[in-house]
Amino acid sequence: MELTGKDISDILEALSYRKRAFEEYEDYPSKEFQKERIAEVDVLIQKVRNLRNR
């Protein structure tokens, strides 16, 4: 079973909400930890975009 264009769009939308939540959350142990979490989501977003653009 393969991902459809709609599936990929939905995943990207969910990841953008997740990234925003990481950006807005203020109770991380440190700013560095927050930046790491945001970077993790950025990597996932790029991977999904790469799938979309194949």
PDB file of N, CA and C in Angstrom:
ATOM      1  N   MET A   1       0.850  -1.168   0.000  1.00  0.00           N
ATOM      2  CA  MET A   1       0.000   0.000   0.000  1.00  0.00           C
ATOM      3  C   MET A   1       0.901   1.239   0.000  1.00  0.00           C
ATOM      4  N   GLU A   2       0.591   2.203  -0.856  1.00  0.00           N
ATOM      5  CA  GLU A   2       1.404   3.401  -0.983  1.00  0.00           C
ATOM      6  C   GLU A   2       0.675   4.624  -0.440  1.00  0.00           C
ATOM      7  N   LEU A   3       1.454   5.617  -0.081  1.00  0.00           N
ATOM      8  CA  LEU A   3       0.883   6.878   0.363  1.00  0.00           C
ATOM      9  C   LEU A   3       0.358   7.653  -0.839  1.00  0.00           C
ATOM     10  N   THR A   4      -0.796   8.258  -0.674  1.00  0.00           N
ATOM     11  CA  THR A   4      -1.349   9.105  -1.724  1.00  0.00           C
ATOM     12  C   THR A   4      -0.878  10.543  -1.504  1.00  0.00           C
ATOM     13  N   GLY A   5      -1.118  11.385  -2.477  1.00  0.00           N
ATOM     14  CA  GLY A   5      -0.798  12.799  -2.332  1.00  0.00           C
ATOM     15  C   GLY A   5      -1.530  13.414  -1.146  1.00  0.00           C
ATOM     16  N   LYS A   6      -2.775  13.000  -0.945  1.00  0.00           N
ATOM     17  CA  LYS A   6      -3.563  13.489   0.196  1.00  0.00           C
ATOM     18  C   LYS A   6      -2.943  13.033   1.505  1.00  0.00           C
ATOM     19  N   ASP A   7      -2.500  11.788   1.565  1.00  0.00           N
ATOM     20  CA  ASP A   7      -1.844  11.270   2.768  1.00  0.00           C
ATOM     21  C   ASP A   7      -0.624  12.119   3.112  1.00  0.00           C
ATOM     22  N   ILE A   8       0.190  12.406   2.101  1.00  0.00           N
ATOM     23  CA  ILE A   8       1.404  13.171   2.331  1.00  0.00           C
ATOM     24  C   ILE A   8       1.066  14.591   2.774  1.00  0.00           C
ATOM     25  N   SER A   9       0.055  15.190   2.163  1.00  0.00           N
ATOM     26  CA  SER A   9      -0.377  16.528   2.580  1.00  0.00           C
ATOM     27  C   SER A   9      -0.844  16.524   4.030  1.00  0.00           C
ATOM     28  N   ASP A  10      -1.596  15.499   4.405  1.00  0.00           N
ATOM     29  CA  ASP A  10      -2.077  15.382   5.787  1.00  0.00           C
ATOM     30  C   ASP A  10      -0.915  15.218   6.763  1.00  0.00           C
ATOM     31  N   ILE A  11       0.072  14.422   6.385  1.00  0.00           N
ATOM     32  CA  ILE A  11       1.242  14.217   7.240  1.00  0.00           C
ATOM     33  C   ILE A  11       2.012  15.518   7.397  1.00  0.00           C
ATOM     34  N   LEU A  12       2.208  16.245   6.301  1.00  0.00           N
ATOM     35  CA  LEU A  12       2.920  17.530   6.377  1.00  0.00           C
ATOM     36  C   LEU A  12       2.171  18.528   7.253  1.00  0.00           C
ATOM     37  N   GLU A  13       0.853  18.530   7.134  1.00  0.00           N
ATOM     38  CA  GLU A  13       0.056  19.427   7.965  1.00  0.00           C
ATOM     39  C   GLU A  13       0.194  19.066   9.441  1.00  0.00           C
ATOM     40  N   ALA A  14       0.129  17.783   9.750  1.00  0.00           N
ATOM     41  CA  ALA A  14       0.280  17.336  11.136  1.00  0.00           C
ATOM     42  C   ALA A  14       1.666  17.696  11.679  1.00  0.00           C
ATOM     43  N   LEU A  15       2.684  17.530  10.859  1.00  0.00           N
ATOM     44  CA  LEU A  15       4.041  17.871  11.294  1.00  0.00           C
ATOM     45  C   LEU A  15       4.192  19.374  11.513  1.00  0.00           C
ATOM     46  N   SER A  16       3.518  20.168  10.695  1.00  0.00           N
ATOM     47  CA  SER A  16       3.603  21.620  10.903  1.00  0.00           C
ATOM     48  C   SER A  16       2.939  22.022  12.216  1.00  0.00           C
ATOM     49  N   TYR A  17       1.821  21.369  12.568  1.00  0.00           N
ATOM     50  CA  TYR A  17       1.195  21.628  13.865  1.00  0.00           C
ATOM     51  C   TYR A  17       2.106  21.196  15.007  1.00  0.00           C
ATOM     52  N   ARG A  18       2.766  20.069  14.814  1.00  0.00           N
ATOM     53  CA  ARG A  18       3.685  19.560  15.852  1.00  0.00           C
ATOM     54  C   ARG A  18       4.856  20.518  16.047  1.00  0.00           C
ATOM     55  N   LYS A  19       5.387  21.011  14.941  1.00  0.00           N
ATOM     56  CA  LYS A  19       6.491  21.958  15.031  1.00  0.00           C
ATOM     57  C   LYS A  19       6.052  23.223  15.762  1.00  0.00           C
ATOM     58  N   ARG A  20       4.881  23.721  15.425  1.00  0.00           N
ATOM     59  CA  ARG A  20       4.369  24.916  16.092  1.00  0.00           C
ATOM     60  C   ARG A  20       4.194  24.673  17.590  1.00  0.00           C
ATOM     61  N   ALA A  21       3.731  23.496  17.956  1.00  0.00           N
ATOM     62  CA  ALA A  21       3.575  23.169  19.376  1.00  0.00           C
ATOM     63  C   ALA A  21       4.929  23.186  20.078  1.00  0.00           C
ATOM     64  N   PHE A  22       5.962  22.636  19.431  1.00  0.00           N
ATOM     65  CA  PHE A  22       7.302  22.660  20.015  1.00  0.00           C
ATOM     66  C   PHE A  22       7.811  24.090  20.154  1.00  0.00           C
ATOM     67  N   GLU A  23       7.514  24.925  19.168  1.00  0.00           N
ATOM     68  CA  GLU A  23       7.970  26.315  19.201  1.00  0.00           C
ATOM     69  C   GLU A  23       7.279  27.114  20.301  1.00  0.00           C
ATOM     70  N   GLU A  24       6.011  26.824  20.535  1.00  0.00           N
ATOM     71  CA  GLU A  24       5.230  27.606  21.494  1.00  0.00           C
ATOM     72  C   GLU A  24       5.333  27.105  22.936  1.00  0.00           C
ATOM     73  N   TYR A  25       5.709  25.849  23.103  1.00  0.00           N
ATOM     74  CA  TYR A  25       5.812  25.277  24.449  1.00  0.00           C
ATOM     75  C   TYR A  25       6.962  25.949  25.196  1.00  0.00           C
ATOM     76  N   GLU A  26       6.718  26.335  26.436  1.00  0.00           N
ATOM     77  CA  GLU A  26       7.705  27.117  27.181  1.00  0.00           C
ATOM     78  C   GLU A  26       8.328  26.392  28.367  1.00  0.00           C
ATOM     79  N   ASP A  27       7.977  25.137  28.585  1.00  0.00           N
ATOM     80  CA  ASP A  27       8.449  24.462  29.786  1.00  0.00           C
ATOM     81  C   ASP A  27       9.486  23.372  29.485  1.00  0.00           C
ATOM     82  N   TYR A  28      10.309  23.609  28.480  1.00  0.00           N
ATOM     83  CA  TYR A  28      11.394  22.670  28.183  1.00  0.00           C
ATOM     84  C   TYR A  28      12.503  22.832  29.220  1.00  0.00           C
ATOM     85  N   PRO A  29      13.299  21.801  29.426  1.00  0.00           N
ATOM     86  CA  PRO A  29      14.407  21.904  30.376  1.00  0.00           C
ATOM     87  C   PRO A  29      15.440  22.947  29.947  1.00  0.00           C
ATOM     88  N   SER A  30      15.555  23.180  28.622  1.00  0.00           N
ATOM     89  CA  SER A  30      16.495  24.188  28.130  1.00  0.00           C
ATOM     90  C   SER A  30      16.088  24.604  26.718  1.00  0.00           C
ATOM     91  N   LYS A  31      16.605  25.742  26.279  1.00  0.00           N
ATOM     92  CA  LYS A  31      16.365  26.203  24.912  1.00  0.00           C
ATOM     93  C   LYS A  31      16.993  25.239  23.907  1.00  0.00           C
ATOM     94  N   GLU A  32      18.144  24.689  24.274  1.00  0.00           N
ATOM     95  CA  GLU A  32      18.824  23.748  23.395  1.00  0.00           C
ATOM     96  C   GLU A  32      17.951  22.511  23.142  1.00  0.00           C
ATOM     97  N   PHE A  33      17.315  22.014  24.190  1.00  0.00           N
ATOM     98  CA  PHE A  33      16.429  20.862  24.050  1.00  0.00           C
ATOM     99  C   PHE A  33      15.277  21.200  23.106  1.00  0.00           C
ATOM    100  N   GLN A  34      14.709  22.378  23.268  1.00  0.00           N
ATOM    101  CA  GLN A  34      13.624  22.829  22.401  1.00  0.00           C
ATOM    102  C   GLN A  34      14.103  22.886  20.943  1.00  0.00           C
ATOM    103  N   LYS A  35      15.266  23.447  20.716  1.00  0.00           N
ATOM    104  CA  LYS A  35      15.811  23.544  19.357  1.00  0.00           C
ATOM    105  C   LYS A  35      16.022  22.161  18.752  1.00  0.00           C
ATOM    106  N   GLU A  36      16.456  21.208  19.561  1.00  0.00           N
ATOM    107  CA  GLU A  36      16.650  19.840  19.076  1.00  0.00           C
ATOM    108  C   GLU A  36      15.334  19.218  18.641  1.00  0.00           C
ATOM    109  N   ARG A  37      14.296  19.419  19.429  1.00  0.00           N
ATOM    110  CA  ARG A  37      12.979  18.869  19.082  1.00  0.00           C
ATOM    111  C   ARG A  37      12.462  19.474  17.786  1.00  0.00           C
ATOM    112  N   ILE A  38      12.630  20.784  17.636  1.00  0.00           N
ATOM    113  CA  ILE A  38      12.195  21.461  16.412  1.00  0.00           C
ATOM    114  C   ILE A  38      12.993  20.948  15.220  1.00  0.00           C
ATOM    115  N   ALA A  39      14.282  20.762  15.401  1.00  0.00           N
ATOM    116  CA  ALA A  39      15.133  20.253  14.322  1.00  0.00           C
ATOM    117  C   ALA A  39      14.709  18.844  13.902  1.00  0.00           C
ATOM    118  N   GLU A  40      14.314  18.016  14.868  1.00  0.00           N
ATOM    119  CA  GLU A  40      13.847  16.668  14.549  1.00  0.00           C
ATOM    120  C   GLU A  40      12.626  16.725  13.631  1.00  0.00           C
ATOM    121  N   VAL A  41      11.707  17.620  13.928  1.00  0.00           N
ATOM    122  CA  VAL A  41      10.510  17.763  13.105  1.00  0.00           C
ATOM    123  C   VAL A  41      10.882  18.305  11.727  1.00  0.00           C
ATOM    124  N   ASP A  42      11.813  19.250  11.684  1.00  0.00           N
ATOM    125  CA  ASP A  42      12.258  19.793  10.394  1.00  0.00           C
ATOM    126  C   ASP A  42      12.822  18.687   9.499  1.00  0.00           C
ATOM    127  N   VAL A  43      13.572  17.758  10.089  1.00  0.00           N
ATOM    128  CA  VAL A  43      14.127  16.638   9.316  1.00  0.00           C
ATOM    129  C   VAL A  43      12.996  15.769   8.778  1.00  0.00           C
ATOM    130  N   LEU A  44      12.006  15.483   9.609  1.00  0.00           N
ATOM    131  CA  LEU A  44      10.876  14.672   9.156  1.00  0.00           C
ATOM    132  C   LEU A  44      10.106  15.371   8.041  1.00  0.00           C
ATOM    133  N   ILE A  45       9.899  16.668   8.185  1.00  0.00           N
ATOM    134  CA  ILE A  45       9.200  17.432   7.153  1.00  0.00           C
ATOM    135  C   ILE A  45       9.956  17.329   5.831  1.00  0.00           C
ATOM    136  N   GLN A  46      11.259  17.468   5.877  1.00  0.00           N
ATOM    137  CA  GLN A  46      12.050  17.380   4.653  1.00  0.00           C
ATOM    138  C   GLN A  46      11.967  15.989   4.032  1.00  0.00           C
ATOM    139  N   LYS A  47      11.995  14.950   4.860  1.00  0.00           N
ATOM    140  CA  LYS A  47      11.886  13.580   4.340  1.00  0.00           C
ATOM    141  C   LYS A  47      10.540  13.362   3.641  1.00  0.00           C
ATOM    142  N   VAL A  48       9.480  13.859   4.242  1.00  0.00           N
ATOM    143  CA  VAL A  48       8.158  13.694   3.648  1.00  0.00           C
ATOM    144  C   VAL A  48       8.057  14.506   2.355  1.00  0.00           C
ATOM    145  N   ARG A  49       8.611  15.698   2.351  1.00  0.00           N
ATOM    146  CA  ARG A  49       8.622  16.494   1.105  1.00  0.00           C
ATOM    147  C   ARG A  49       9.392  15.770   0.006  1.00  0.00           C
ATOM    148  N   ASN A  50      10.491  15.137   0.372  1.00  0.00           N
ATOM    149  CA  ASN A  50      11.261  14.371  -0.617  1.00  0.00           C
ATOM    150  C   ASN A  50      10.428  13.234  -1.198  1.00  0.00           C
ATOM    151  N   LEU A  51       9.652  12.566  -0.353  1.00  0.00           N
ATOM    152  CA  LEU A  51       8.747  11.514  -0.837  1.00  0.00           C
ATOM    153  C   LEU A  51       7.726  12.092  -1.801  1.00  0.00           C
ATOM    154  N   ARG A  52       7.192  13.240  -1.455  1.00  0.00           N
ATOM    155  CA  ARG A  52       6.164  13.883  -2.282  1.00  0.00           C
ATOM    156  C   ARG A  52       6.721  14.257  -3.649  1.00  0.00           C
ATOM    157  N   ASN A  53       7.983  14.667  -3.682  1.00  0.00           N
ATOM    158  CA  ASN A  53       8.564  15.179  -4.916  1.00  0.00           C
ATOM    159  C   ASN A  53       9.169  14.102  -5.810  1.00  0.00           C
ATOM    160  N   ARG A  54       9.043  12.857  -5.439  1.00  0.00           N
ATOM    161  CA  ARG A  54       9.595  11.763  -6.269  1.00  0.00           C
ATOM    162  C   ARG A  54       8.785  11.566  -7.513  1.00  0.00           C
TER     163      ARG A  54
END
